[in-house]
PDB file of N, CA and C in Angstrom:
ATOM      1  N   MET A   1      91.153 225.014 199.350  1.00  0.00           N
ATOM      2  CA  MET A   1      91.482 223.938 200.379  1.00  0.00           C
ATOM      3  C   MET A   1      90.699 222.363 199.548  1.00  0.00           C
ATOM      4  N   SER A   2      91.643 221.412 199.701  1.00  0.00           N
ATOM      5  CA  SER A   2      91.884 220.258 199.094  1.00  0.00           C
ATOM      6  C   SER A   2      90.504 219.306 200.077  1.00  0.00           C
ATOM      7  N   THR A   3      90.470 218.664 198.814  1.00  0.00           N
ATOM      8  CA  THR A   3      89.027 217.324 199.276  1.00  0.00           C
ATOM      9  C   THR A   3      89.684 216.252 199.244  1.00  0.00           C
ATOM     10  N   TYR A   4      89.248 215.452 200.572  1.00  0.00           N
ATOM     11  CA  TYR A   4      89.790 213.775 200.062  1.00  0.00           C
ATOM     12  C   TYR A   4      88.932 212.512 200.466  1.00  0.00           C
ATOM     13  N   ASN A   5      89.110 211.455 200.256  1.00  0.00           N
ATOM     14  CA  ASN A   5      88.699 210.541 200.318  1.00  0.00           C
ATOM     15  C   ASN A   5      89.019 209.995 201.692  1.00  0.00           C
ATOM     16  N   ILE A   6      87.955 209.892 202.144  1.00  0.00           N
ATOM     17  CA  ILE A   6      88.069 209.396 203.880  1.00  0.00           C
ATOM     18  C   ILE A   6      87.146 208.230 204.118  1.00  0.00           C
ATOM     19  N   LEU A   7      87.691 207.469 204.934  1.00  0.00           N
ATOM     20  CA  LEU A   7      87.275 206.065 205.675  1.00  0.00           C
ATOM     21  C   LEU A   7      86.970 206.187 206.854  1.00  0.00           C
ATOM     22  N   ILE A   8      85.785 206.497 207.599  1.00  0.00           N
ATOM     23  CA  ILE A   8      85.352 206.740 208.906  1.00  0.00           C
ATOM     24  C   ILE A   8      85.497 205.036 209.808  1.00  0.00           C
ATOM     25  N   VAL A   9      86.486 205.103 210.573  1.00  0.00           N
ATOM     26  CA  VAL A   9      86.276 203.727 211.072  1.00  0.00           C
ATOM     27  C   VAL A   9      85.806 203.926 212.906  1.00  0.00           C
ATOM     28  N   GLU A  10      84.538 203.785 212.923  1.00  0.00           N
ATOM     29  CA  GLU A  10      83.962 204.008 213.981  1.00  0.00           C
ATOM     30  C   GLU A  10      82.377 202.849 214.312  1.00  0.00           C
ATOM     31  N   ASP A  11      82.892 202.546 215.498  1.00  0.00           N
ATOM     32  CA  ASP A  11      81.529 200.814 216.091  1.00  0.00           C
ATOM     33  C   ASP A  11      80.537 201.833 216.532  1.00  0.00           C
ATOM     34  N   GLU A  12      80.244 203.176 216.856  1.00  0.00           N
ATOM     35  CA  GLU A  12      78.875 203.504 217.219  1.00  0.00           C
ATOM     36  C   GLU A  12      78.091 204.634 216.203  1.00  0.00           C
ATOM     37  N   PHE A  13      77.175 204.394 216.125  1.00  0.00           N
ATOM     38  CA  PHE A  13      76.355 204.748 214.877  1.00  0.00           C
ATOM     39  C   PHE A  13      76.090 206.431 214.940  1.00  0.00           C
ATOM     40  N   ILE A  14      75.644 206.851 216.190  1.00  0.00           N
ATOM     41  CA  ILE A  14      75.952 208.686 216.364  1.00  0.00           C
ATOM     42  C   ILE A  14      77.290 208.767 216.018  1.00  0.00           C
ATOM     43  N   PRO A  15      77.588 208.792 216.516  1.00  0.00           N
ATOM     44  CA  PRO A  15      79.687 209.697 216.313  1.00  0.00           C
ATOM     45  C   PRO A  15      80.275 209.272 214.865  1.00  0.00           C
ATOM     46  N   ALA A  16      79.720 208.062 214.033  1.00  0.00           N
ATOM     47  CA  ALA A  16      79.721 207.997 212.585  1.00  0.00           C
ATOM     48  C   ALA A  16      79.430 209.038 211.993  1.00  0.00           C
ATOM     49  N   ASN A  17      78.007 208.970 211.987  1.00  0.00           N
ATOM     50  CA  ASN A  17      77.383 209.875 211.107  1.00  0.00           C
ATOM     51  C   ASN A  17      77.302 211.398 211.266  1.00  0.00           C
ATOM     52  N   TYR A  18      77.894 211.634 212.538  1.00  0.00           N
ATOM     53  CA  TYR A  18      78.458 213.012 212.812  1.00  0.00           C
ATOM     54  C   TYR A  18      79.522 213.356 212.142  1.00  0.00           C
ATOM     55  N   LEU A  19      80.556 212.698 212.307  1.00  0.00           N
ATOM     56  CA  LEU A  19      81.837 212.586 211.411  1.00  0.00           C
ATOM     57  C   LEU A  19      81.392 213.035 209.987  1.00  0.00           C
ATOM     58  N   LYS A  20      80.979 212.126 209.625  1.00  0.00           N
ATOM     59  CA  LYS A  20      80.308 212.169 208.264  1.00  0.00           C
ATOM     60  C   LYS A  20      79.625 213.309 207.498  1.00  0.00           C
ATOM     61  N   LYS A  21      78.594 213.665 208.189  1.00  0.00           N
ATOM     62  CA  LYS A  21      77.953 215.084 208.089  1.00  0.00           C
ATOM     63  C   LYS A  21      79.337 215.997 208.036  1.00  0.00           C
ATOM     64  N   ILE A  22      79.787 216.194 209.419  1.00  0.00           N
ATOM     65  CA  ILE A  22      80.875 217.338 209.336  1.00  0.00           C
ATOM     66  C   ILE A  22      81.796 217.166 207.728  1.00  0.00           C
ATOM     67  N   LEU A  23      82.228 216.265 207.900  1.00  0.00           N
ATOM     68  CA  LEU A  23      83.304 216.250 206.587  1.00  0.00           C
ATOM     69  C   LEU A  23      82.456 216.351 205.370  1.00  0.00           C
ATOM     70  N   GLN A  24      81.444 215.694 205.159  1.00  0.00           N
ATOM     71  CA  GLN A  24      80.972 216.003 203.589  1.00  0.00           C
ATOM     72  C   GLN A  24      80.209 217.503 203.658  1.00  0.00           C
ATOM     73  N   GLN A  25      79.291 218.019 204.417  1.00  0.00           N
ATOM     74  CA  GLN A  25      79.299 219.133 204.570  1.00  0.00           C
ATOM     75  C   GLN A  25      80.392 220.333 203.951  1.00  0.00           C
ATOM     76  N   SER A  26      81.838 219.904 204.107  1.00  0.00           N
ATOM     77  CA  SER A  26      83.095 220.441 203.773  1.00  0.00           C
ATOM     78  C   SER A  26      83.865 219.992 202.604  1.00  0.00           C
ATOM     79  N   GLY A  27      83.216 219.032 201.880  1.00  0.00           N
ATOM     80  CA  GLY A  27      82.980 219.027 200.498  1.00  0.00           C
ATOM     81  C   GLY A  27      84.411 217.803 200.333  1.00  0.00           C
ATOM     82  N   HIS A  28      84.649 217.234 201.602  1.00  0.00           N
ATOM     83  CA  HIS A  28      85.241 216.038 201.772  1.00  0.00           C
ATOM     84  C   HIS A  28      84.378 214.553 201.384  1.00  0.00           C
ATOM     85  N   LYS A  29      84.957 213.536 200.509  1.00  0.00           N
ATOM     86  CA  LYS A  29      83.921 212.492 200.302  1.00  0.00           C
ATOM     87  C   LYS A  29      84.557 211.703 201.150  1.00  0.00           C
ATOM     88  N   VAL A  30      83.091 210.853 202.021  1.00  0.00           N
ATOM     89  CA  VAL A  30      83.262 210.023 202.836  1.00  0.00           C
ATOM     90  C   VAL A  30      83.056 208.682 202.207  1.00  0.00           C
ATOM     91  N   ILE A  31      83.953 207.845 201.807  1.00  0.00           N
ATOM     92  CA  ILE A  31      83.657 206.611 200.951  1.00  0.00           C
ATOM     93  C   ILE A  31      83.392 205.396 202.010  1.00  0.00           C
ATOM     94  N   GLY A  32      83.139 205.982 203.096  1.00  0.00           N
ATOM     95  CA  GLY A  32      82.164 204.378 203.960  1.00  0.00           C
ATOM     96  C   GLY A  32      82.586 204.426 205.556  1.00  0.00           C
ATOM     97  N   ILE A  33      81.680 203.774 206.251  1.00  0.00           N
ATOM     98  CA  ILE A  33      81.588 203.842 207.360  1.00  0.00           C
ATOM     99  C   ILE A  33      82.082 202.172 207.797  1.00  0.00           C
ATOM    100  N   ALA A  34      83.679 201.991 208.423  1.00  0.00           N
ATOM    101  CA  ALA A  34      83.764 200.651 208.948  1.00  0.00           C
ATOM    102  C   ALA A  34      83.541 200.518 210.425  1.00  0.00           C
ATOM    103  N   ASP A  35      83.316 199.616 210.854  1.00  0.00           N
ATOM    104  CA  ASP A  35      83.246 199.358 212.152  1.00  0.00           C
ATOM    105  C   ASP A  35      84.289 198.138 213.008  1.00  0.00           C
ATOM    106  N   SER A  36      85.050 197.417 212.334  1.00  0.00           N
ATOM    107  CA  SER A  36      85.822 196.509 212.610  1.00  0.00           C
ATOM    108  C   SER A  36      87.199 196.090 211.627  1.00  0.00           C
ATOM    109  N   LYS A  37      88.520 195.464 212.038  1.00  0.00           N
ATOM    110  CA  LYS A  37      89.258 195.228 211.410  1.00  0.00           C
ATOM    111  C   LYS A  37      88.873 194.464 209.755  1.00  0.00           C
ATOM    112  N   GLU A  38      87.765 193.878 209.864  1.00  0.00           N
ATOM    113  CA  GLU A  38      87.416 193.012 208.742  1.00  0.00           C
ATOM    114  C   GLU A  38      86.797 194.284 207.778  1.00  0.00           C
ATOM    115  N   SER A  39      85.673 195.283 207.697  1.00  0.00           N
ATOM    116  CA  SER A  39      85.423 195.740 207.516  1.00  0.00           C
ATOM    117  C   SER A  39      86.185 196.592 206.854  1.00  0.00           C
ATOM    118  N   VAL A  40      87.387 196.962 207.362  1.00  0.00           N
ATOM    119  CA  VAL A  40      88.424 198.319 206.968  1.00  0.00           C
ATOM    120  C   VAL A  40      89.099 197.109 206.057  1.00  0.00           C
ATOM    121  N   MET A  41      89.321 196.157 205.995  1.00  0.00           N
ATOM    122  CA  MET A  41      89.932 195.402 205.015  1.00  0.00           C
ATOM    123  C   MET A  41      89.481 195.082 203.557  1.00  0.00           C
ATOM    124  N   THR A  42      88.250 194.938 203.748  1.00  0.00           N
ATOM    125  CA  THR A  42      87.405 194.958 202.863  1.00  0.00           C
ATOM    126  C   THR A  42      87.521 196.481 201.762  1.00  0.00           C
ATOM    127  N   TYR A  43      87.738 197.601 202.673  1.00  0.00           N
ATOM    128  CA  TYR A  43      87.530 198.495 201.435  1.00  0.00           C
ATOM    129  C   TYR A  43      89.055 198.416 200.708  1.00  0.00           C
ATOM    130  N   LEU A  44      89.970 197.755 201.661  1.00  0.00           N
ATOM    131  CA  LEU A  44      91.377 197.896 200.858  1.00  0.00           C
ATOM    132  C   LEU A  44      91.054 196.961 200.070  1.00  0.00           C
ATOM    133  N   ASP A  45      90.998 195.564 199.927  1.00  0.00           N
ATOM    134  CA  ASP A  45      91.052 194.781 199.164  1.00  0.00           C
ATOM    135  C   ASP A  45      89.933 195.515 198.072  1.00  0.00           C
ATOM    136  N   ASN A  46      89.104 196.312 197.948  1.00  0.00           N
ATOM    137  CA  ASN A  46      88.492 196.656 196.833  1.00  0.00           C
ATOM    138  C   ASN A  46      89.307 197.327 196.066  1.00  0.00           C
ATOM    139  N   GLN A  47      90.501 198.012 196.780  1.00  0.00           N
ATOM    140  CA  GLN A  47      91.289 199.044 196.069  1.00  0.00           C
ATOM    141  C   GLN A  47      90.601 200.128 195.915  1.00  0.00           C
ATOM    142  N   ILE A  48      89.687 200.638 196.977  1.00  0.00           N
ATOM    143  CA  ILE A  48      89.080 201.774 197.140  1.00  0.00           C
ATOM    144  C   ILE A  48      90.111 202.948 197.152  1.00  0.00           C
ATOM    145  N   GLU A  49      90.000 204.188 196.686  1.00  0.00           N
ATOM    146  CA  GLU A  49      91.180 205.010 196.851  1.00  0.00           C
ATOM    147  C   GLU A  49      90.811 205.761 197.911  1.00  0.00           C
ATOM    148  N   ILE A  50      91.708 205.802 199.116  1.00  0.00           N
ATOM    149  CA  ILE A  50      91.506 206.416 200.462  1.00  0.00           C
ATOM    150  C   ILE A  50      92.677 207.134 200.903  1.00  0.00           C
ATOM    151  N   ASP A  51      92.503 208.379 200.974  1.00  0.00           N
ATOM    152  CA  ASP A  51      93.371 209.568 201.402  1.00  0.00           C
ATOM    153  C   ASP A  51      93.591 209.405 202.903  1.00  0.00           C
ATOM    154  N   LEU A  52      92.857 209.449 203.539  1.00  0.00           N
ATOM    155  CA  LEU A  52      92.482 209.461 205.469  1.00  0.00           C
ATOM    156  C   LEU A  52      91.855 208.394 205.638  1.00  0.00           C
ATOM    157  N   ILE A  53      92.078 208.089 207.111  1.00  0.00           N
ATOM    158  CA  ILE A  53      91.140 207.182 207.742  1.00  0.00           C
ATOM    159  C   ILE A  53      91.411 207.740 209.014  1.00  0.00           C
ATOM    160  N   LEU A  54      89.761 208.177 209.559  1.00  0.00           N
ATOM    161  CA  LEU A  54      89.509 208.398 210.797  1.00  0.00           C
ATOM    162  C   LEU A  54      89.571 207.268 211.314  1.00  0.00           C
ATOM    163  N   MET A  55      90.317 206.857 212.719  1.00  0.00           N
ATOM    164  CA  MET A  55      90.320 205.535 213.048  1.00  0.00           C
ATOM    165  C   MET A  55      90.182 205.343 214.435  1.00  0.00           C
ATOM    166  N   ASN A  56      88.975 205.316 214.913  1.00  0.00           N
ATOM    167  CA  ASN A  56      88.554 205.352 216.330  1.00  0.00           C
ATOM    168  C   ASN A  56      89.676 203.933 216.961  1.00  0.00           C
ATOM    169  N   ILE A  57      89.785 204.378 218.365  1.00  0.00           N
ATOM    170  CA  ILE A  57      90.586 203.248 219.085  1.00  0.00           C
ATOM    171  C   ILE A  57      89.971 202.065 219.694  1.00  0.00           C
ATOM    172  N   LYS A  58      88.539 202.093 219.941  1.00  0.00           N
ATOM    173  CA  LYS A  58      87.317 201.125 220.233  1.00  0.00           C
ATOM    174  C   LYS A  58      86.892 200.789 218.855  1.00  0.00           C
ATOM    175  N   VAL A  59      86.955 199.690 218.159  1.00  0.00           N
ATOM    176  CA  VAL A  59      86.326 199.090 217.084  1.00  0.00           C
ATOM    177  C   VAL A  59      85.811 197.496 217.670  1.00  0.00           C
ATOM    178  N   LYS A  60      84.680 196.819 216.659  1.00  0.00           N
ATOM    179  CA  LYS A  60      84.296 195.773 217.024  1.00  0.00           C
ATOM    180  C   LYS A  60      85.405 194.469 216.980  1.00  0.00           C
ATOM    181  N   GLY A  61      85.209 193.737 217.376  1.00  0.00           N
ATOM    182  CA  GLY A  61      86.090 192.456 217.031  1.00  0.00           C
ATOM    183  C   GLY A  61      87.151 192.257 217.944  1.00  0.00           C
ATOM    184  N   LYS A  62      88.119 191.378 217.819  1.00  0.00           N
ATOM    185  CA  LYS A  62      89.241 190.900 218.180  1.00  0.00           C
ATOM    186  C   LYS A  62      90.504 192.357 218.176  1.00  0.00           C
ATOM    187  N   SER A  63      90.307 192.782 217.164  1.00  0.00           N
ATOM    188  CA  SER A  63      91.530 193.727 216.938  1.00  0.00           C
ATOM    189  C   SER A  63      91.043 195.119 217.250  1.00  0.00           C
ATOM    190  N   ASP A  64      92.257 195.782 217.935  1.00  0.00           N
ATOM    191  CA  ASP A  64      91.293 197.282 218.415  1.00  0.00           C
ATOM    192  C   ASP A  64      92.091 198.057 217.601  1.00  0.00           C
ATOM    193  N   GLY A  65      91.336 199.668 217.297  1.00  0.00           N
ATOM    194  CA  GLY A  65      91.896 200.095 216.115  1.00  0.00           C
ATOM    195  C   GLY A  65      93.395 200.450 215.679  1.00  0.00           C
ATOM    196  N   ILE A  66      94.466 200.402 216.842  1.00  0.00           N
ATOM    197  CA  ILE A  66      95.645 200.548 216.789  1.00  0.00           C
ATOM    198  C   ILE A  66      95.954 199.598 216.290  1.00  0.00           C
ATOM    199  N   GLU A  67      95.780 198.105 216.636  1.00  0.00           N
ATOM    200  CA  GLU A  67      96.235 196.889 216.108  1.00  0.00           C
ATOM    201  C   GLU A  67      95.856 196.784 214.899  1.00  0.00           C
ATOM    202  N   THR A  68      94.592 197.341 214.106  1.00  0.00           N
ATOM    203  CA  THR A  68      94.037 197.603 213.026  1.00  0.00           C
ATOM    204  C   THR A  68      94.824 198.612 212.010  1.00  0.00           C
ATOM    205  N   ALA A  69      95.077 199.362 212.891  1.00  0.00           N
ATOM    206  CA  ALA A  69      96.170 200.455 211.794  1.00  0.00           C
ATOM    207  C   ALA A  69      97.731 200.426 211.537  1.00  0.00           C
ATOM    208  N   LYS A  70      97.804 199.018 212.504  1.00  0.00           N
ATOM    209  CA  LYS A  70      99.788 198.590 212.204  1.00  0.00           C
ATOM    210  C   LYS A  70      99.563 197.685 210.603  1.00  0.00           C
ATOM    211  N   ILE A  71      98.332 196.941 211.095  1.00  0.00           N
ATOM    212  CA  ILE A  71      98.000 195.753 209.844  1.00  0.00           C
ATOM    213  C   ILE A  71      97.818 196.785 208.341  1.00  0.00           C
ATOM    214  N   ILE A  72      96.921 197.765 208.685  1.00  0.00           N
ATOM    215  CA  ILE A  72      96.853 198.440 207.652  1.00  0.00           C
ATOM    216  C   ILE A  72      97.940 199.054 206.700  1.00  0.00           C
ATOM    217  N   GLN A  73      98.770 199.710 207.661  1.00  0.00           N
ATOM    218  CA  GLN A  73     100.202 200.265 207.029  1.00  0.00           C
ATOM    219  C   GLN A  73     101.120 199.237 207.133  1.00  0.00           C
ATOM    220  N   SER A  74     101.028 198.017 207.244  1.00  0.00           N
ATOM    221  CA  SER A  74     102.091 196.853 206.447  1.00  0.00           C
ATOM    222  C   SER A  74     101.543 196.617 205.359  1.00  0.00           C
ATOM    223  N   HIS A  75     100.342 197.239 204.883  1.00  0.00           N
ATOM    224  CA  HIS A  75      99.880 196.883 203.404  1.00  0.00           C
ATOM    225  C   HIS A  75     100.161 198.345 202.477  1.00  0.00           C
ATOM    226  N   ILE A  76     100.133 199.081 202.575  1.00  0.00           N
ATOM    227  CA  ILE A  76      99.751 200.278 202.081  1.00  0.00           C
ATOM    228  C   ILE A  76     100.277 201.708 203.395  1.00  0.00           C
ATOM    229  N   PRO A  77     100.910 202.489 202.516  1.00  0.00           N
ATOM    230  CA  PRO A  77     101.009 203.893 202.856  1.00  0.00           C
ATOM    231  C   PRO A  77      99.978 204.806 203.182  1.00  0.00           C
ATOM    232  N   ILE A  78      99.456 205.041 204.453  1.00  0.00           N
ATOM    233  CA  ILE A  78      98.009 205.789 204.442  1.00  0.00           C
ATOM    234  C   ILE A  78      98.142 206.625 205.763  1.00  0.00           C
ATOM    235  N   ASN A  79      97.706 207.836 205.524  1.00  0.00           N
ATOM    236  CA  ASN A  79      97.108 208.712 206.844  1.00  0.00           C
ATOM    237  C   ASN A  79      96.182 208.313 207.719  1.00  0.00           C
ATOM    238  N   ILE A  80      96.559 208.418 208.746  1.00  0.00           N
ATOM    239  CA  ILE A  80      95.628 207.663 210.124  1.00  0.00           C
ATOM    240  C   ILE A  80      95.524 208.751 210.816  1.00  0.00           C
ATOM    241  N   LEU A  81      94.441 208.934 211.308  1.00  0.00           N
ATOM    242  CA  LEU A  81      93.923 209.936 212.683  1.00  0.00           C
ATOM    243  C   LEU A  81      93.215 209.291 213.398  1.00  0.00           C
ATOM    244  N   PHE A  82      93.793 209.109 214.712  1.00  0.00           N
ATOM    245  CA  PHE A  82      93.218 208.016 215.703  1.00  0.00           C
ATOM    246  C   PHE A  82      92.051 209.305 216.625  1.00  0.00           C
ATOM    247  N   LEU A  83      91.126 208.614 216.865  1.00  0.00           N
ATOM    248  CA  LEU A  83      90.197 209.185 217.774  1.00  0.00           C
ATOM    249  C   LEU A  83      89.652 208.092 218.751  1.00  0.00           C
ATOM    250  N   SER A  84      89.334 208.721 220.060  1.00  0.00           N
ATOM    251  CA  SER A  84      89.396 207.907 221.135  1.00  0.00           C
ATOM    252  C   SER A  84      88.299 208.768 222.123  1.00  0.00           C
ATOM    253  N   ALA A  85      87.203 207.980 223.044  1.00  0.00           N
ATOM    254  CA  ALA A  85      87.016 208.907 224.129  1.00  0.00           C
ATOM    255  C   ALA A  85      88.163 208.874 225.220  1.00  0.00           C
ATOM    256  N   TYR A  86      89.116 207.899 225.064  1.00  0.00           N
ATOM    257  CA  TYR A  86      89.965 208.028 226.222  1.00  0.00           C
ATOM    258  C   TYR A  86      91.340 208.773 225.834  1.00  0.00           C
ATOM    259  N   SER A  87      92.320 209.424 226.960  1.00  0.00           N
ATOM    260  CA  SER A  87      92.710 210.108 226.462  1.00  0.00           C
ATOM    261  C   SER A  87      94.248 209.301 227.348  1.00  0.00           C
ATOM    262  N   ASP A  88      94.196 208.052 227.588  1.00  0.00           N
ATOM    263  CA  ASP A  88      94.747 206.892 229.015  1.00  0.00           C
ATOM    264  C   ASP A  88      96.024 207.151 228.300  1.00  0.00           C
ATOM    265  N   ALA A  89      97.268 207.140 229.011  1.00  0.00           N
ATOM    266  CA  ALA A  89      98.516 207.115 228.619  1.00  0.00           C
ATOM    267  C   ALA A  89      99.035 206.476 227.719  1.00  0.00           C
ATOM    268  N   ASP A  90      98.420 204.580 227.980  1.00  0.00           N
ATOM    269  CA  ASP A  90      98.746 203.609 227.179  1.00  0.00           C
ATOM    270  C   ASP A  90      98.369 203.842 225.487  1.00  0.00           C
ATOM    271  N   PHE A  91      97.456 204.183 225.458  1.00  0.00           N
ATOM    272  CA  PHE A  91      96.451 204.136 223.995  1.00  0.00           C
ATOM    273  C   PHE A  91      97.534 204.876 223.387  1.00  0.00           C
ATOM    274  N   LEU A  92      97.930 205.948 224.367  1.00  0.00           N
ATOM    275  CA  LEU A  92      98.787 207.219 223.144  1.00  0.00           C
ATOM    276  C   LEU A  92     100.139 206.580 223.061  1.00  0.00           C
ATOM    277  N   GLU A  93     100.947 205.679 223.682  1.00  0.00           N
ATOM    278  CA  GLU A  93     101.750 205.392 223.894  1.00  0.00           C
ATOM    279  C   GLU A  93     101.862 204.496 222.589  1.00  0.00           C
ATOM    280  N   ARG A  94     100.706 203.736 222.964  1.00  0.00           N
ATOM    281  CA  ARG A  94     100.869 202.425 221.576  1.00  0.00           C
ATOM    282  C   ARG A  94     100.515 203.209 220.144  1.00  0.00           C
ATOM    283  N   THR A  95      99.772 204.560 220.407  1.00  0.00           N
ATOM    284  CA  THR A  95     100.052 205.299 218.851  1.00  0.00           C
ATOM    285  C   THR A  95     101.343 205.266 218.067  1.00  0.00           C
ATOM    286  N   LYS A  96     102.173 205.721 219.010  1.00  0.00           N
ATOM    287  CA  LYS A  96     103.073 206.120 218.410  1.00  0.00           C
ATOM    288  C   LYS A  96     104.522 205.319 218.012  1.00  0.00           C
ATOM    289  N   ASP A  97     103.969 204.282 217.103  1.00  0.00           N
ATOM    290  CA  ASP A  97     104.688 203.224 216.712  1.00  0.00           C
ATOM    291  C   ASP A  97     103.726 203.476 215.356  1.00  0.00           C
ATOM    292  N   ILE A  98     103.008 204.053 214.961  1.00  0.00           N
ATOM    293  CA  ILE A  98     102.307 203.973 213.858  1.00  0.00           C
ATOM    294  C   ILE A  98     102.579 205.220 213.307  1.00  0.00           C
ATOM    295  N   SER A  99     102.656 205.727 211.815  1.00  0.00           N
ATOM    296  CA  SER A  99     103.143 206.687 211.306  1.00  0.00           C
ATOM    297  C   SER A  99     101.340 207.356 211.043  1.00  0.00           C
ATOM    298  N   SER A 100     101.134 208.329 211.931  1.00  0.00           N
ATOM    299  CA  SER A 100      99.792 209.069 212.112  1.00  0.00           C
ATOM    300  C   SER A 100      99.902 210.092 212.402  1.00  0.00           C
ATOM    301  N   ILE A 101      98.674 211.053 211.822  1.00  0.00           N
ATOM    302  CA  ILE A 101      98.684 212.169 211.729  1.00  0.00           C
ATOM    303  C   ILE A 101      98.316 213.153 212.792  1.00  0.00           C
ATOM    304  N   GLY A 102      98.098 212.043 213.931  1.00  0.00           N
ATOM    305  CA  GLY A 102      97.315 212.787 215.475  1.00  0.00           C
ATOM    306  C   GLY A 102      96.741 211.950 216.203  1.00  0.00           C
ATOM    307  N   TYR A 103      96.011 212.374 216.989  1.00  0.00           N
ATOM    308  CA  TYR A 103      95.585 211.719 218.037  1.00  0.00           C
ATOM    309  C   TYR A 103      94.310 212.800 218.949  1.00  0.00           C
ATOM    310  N   LEU A 104      93.067 212.623 218.299  1.00  0.00           N
ATOM    311  CA  LEU A 104      92.040 213.594 219.034  1.00  0.00           C
ATOM    312  C   LEU A 104      90.762 212.781 219.979  1.00  0.00           C
ATOM    313  N   VAL A 105      90.774 213.324 221.421  1.00  0.00           N
ATOM    314  CA  VAL A 105      90.164 212.959 222.302  1.00  0.00           C
ATOM    315  C   VAL A 105      88.802 213.488 221.870  1.00  0.00           C
ATOM    316  N   LYS A 106      87.375 212.357 221.873  1.00  0.00           N
ATOM    317  CA  LYS A 106      86.422 212.895 221.866  1.00  0.00           C
ATOM    318  C   LYS A 106      85.606 213.760 223.503  1.00  0.00           C
ATOM    319  N   PRO A 107      84.639 214.642 222.961  1.00  0.00           N
ATOM    320  CA  PRO A 107      84.172 214.783 221.680  1.00  0.00           C
ATOM    321  C   PRO A 107      84.849 215.392 220.868  1.00  0.00           C
ATOM    322  N   ILE A 108      84.601 215.217 219.387  1.00  0.00           N
ATOM    323  CA  ILE A 108      85.836 216.022 218.614  1.00  0.00           C
ATOM    324  C   ILE A 108      84.403 217.473 217.931  1.00  0.00           C
ATOM    325  N   GLN A 109      84.948 218.449 218.274  1.00  0.00           N
ATOM    326  CA  GLN A 109      84.369 219.461 217.725  1.00  0.00           C
ATOM    327  C   GLN A 109      84.510 219.973 216.213  1.00  0.00           C
ATOM    328  N   ALA A 110      83.890 220.115 215.220  1.00  0.00           N
ATOM    329  CA  ALA A 110      83.588 220.327 213.960  1.00  0.00           C
ATOM    330  C   ALA A 110      85.075 221.181 213.606  1.00  0.00           C
ATOM    331  N   LYS A 111      84.995 222.178 214.168  1.00  0.00           N
ATOM    332  CA  LYS A 111      85.973 223.101 213.875  1.00  0.00           C
ATOM    333  C   LYS A 111      87.526 222.555 213.892  1.00  0.00           C
ATOM    334  N   THR A 112      87.398 221.911 215.182  1.00  0.00           N
ATOM    335  CA  THR A 112      89.105 221.033 215.138  1.00  0.00           C
ATOM    336  C   THR A 112      89.354 219.990 214.243  1.00  0.00           C
ATOM    337  N   LEU A 113      88.681 218.998 213.835  1.00  0.00           N
ATOM    338  CA  LEU A 113      88.559 218.330 213.100  1.00  0.00           C
ATOM    339  C   LEU A 113      89.292 219.013 211.368  1.00  0.00           C
ATOM    340  N   LEU A 114      88.219 219.842 211.409  1.00  0.00           N
ATOM    341  CA  LEU A 114      88.385 220.702 209.881  1.00  0.00           C
ATOM    342  C   LEU A 114      89.764 221.308 209.961  1.00  0.00           C
ATOM    343  N   LEU A 115      89.974 221.649 210.881  1.00  0.00           N
ATOM    344  CA  LEU A 115      91.807 222.389 210.654  1.00  0.00           C
ATOM    345  C   LEU A 115      92.464 221.525 210.068  1.00  0.00           C
ATOM    346  N   LEU A 116      92.830 220.239 210.825  1.00  0.00           N
ATOM    347  CA  LEU A 116      93.591 219.167 210.564  1.00  0.00           C
ATOM    348  C   LEU A 116      93.671 219.053 209.100  1.00  0.00           C
ATOM    349  N   HIS A 117      92.408 219.203 207.897  1.00  0.00           N
ATOM    350  CA  HIS A 117      92.542 219.207 206.813  1.00  0.00           C
ATOM    351  C   HIS A 117      92.742 220.073 205.701  1.00  0.00           C
ATOM    352  N   ARG A 118      93.403 220.810 206.284  1.00  0.00           N
ATOM    353  CA  ARG A 118      93.669 222.385 205.458  1.00  0.00           C
ATOM    354  C   ARG A 118      95.070 222.193 205.102  1.00  0.00           C
TER     355      ARG A 118
END
């Protein structure tokens, strides 16, 4: 199985650390946890190698995760997997304009998340 450098974008402490634990136990490197567009851009500005971003739809600040993903992909091609507690059709429709590898509805099971990385 390949290992990845993963950035978690999640504005809630408990879900972020749950994802981090799952990923690290599976051999992936979690390079950080960001909670807003601004904190994501800090990782990108520092040219840290990122293979995958787990992007929550709801993040802190004026931009949501979908807007943040659009900004990221306008600067760098990167794999994004959306995460949300909402399965609202509007959110799903808005993510279609972004080159993502998918959309998972919370709560996320470890097995489901890890199947995507094989």
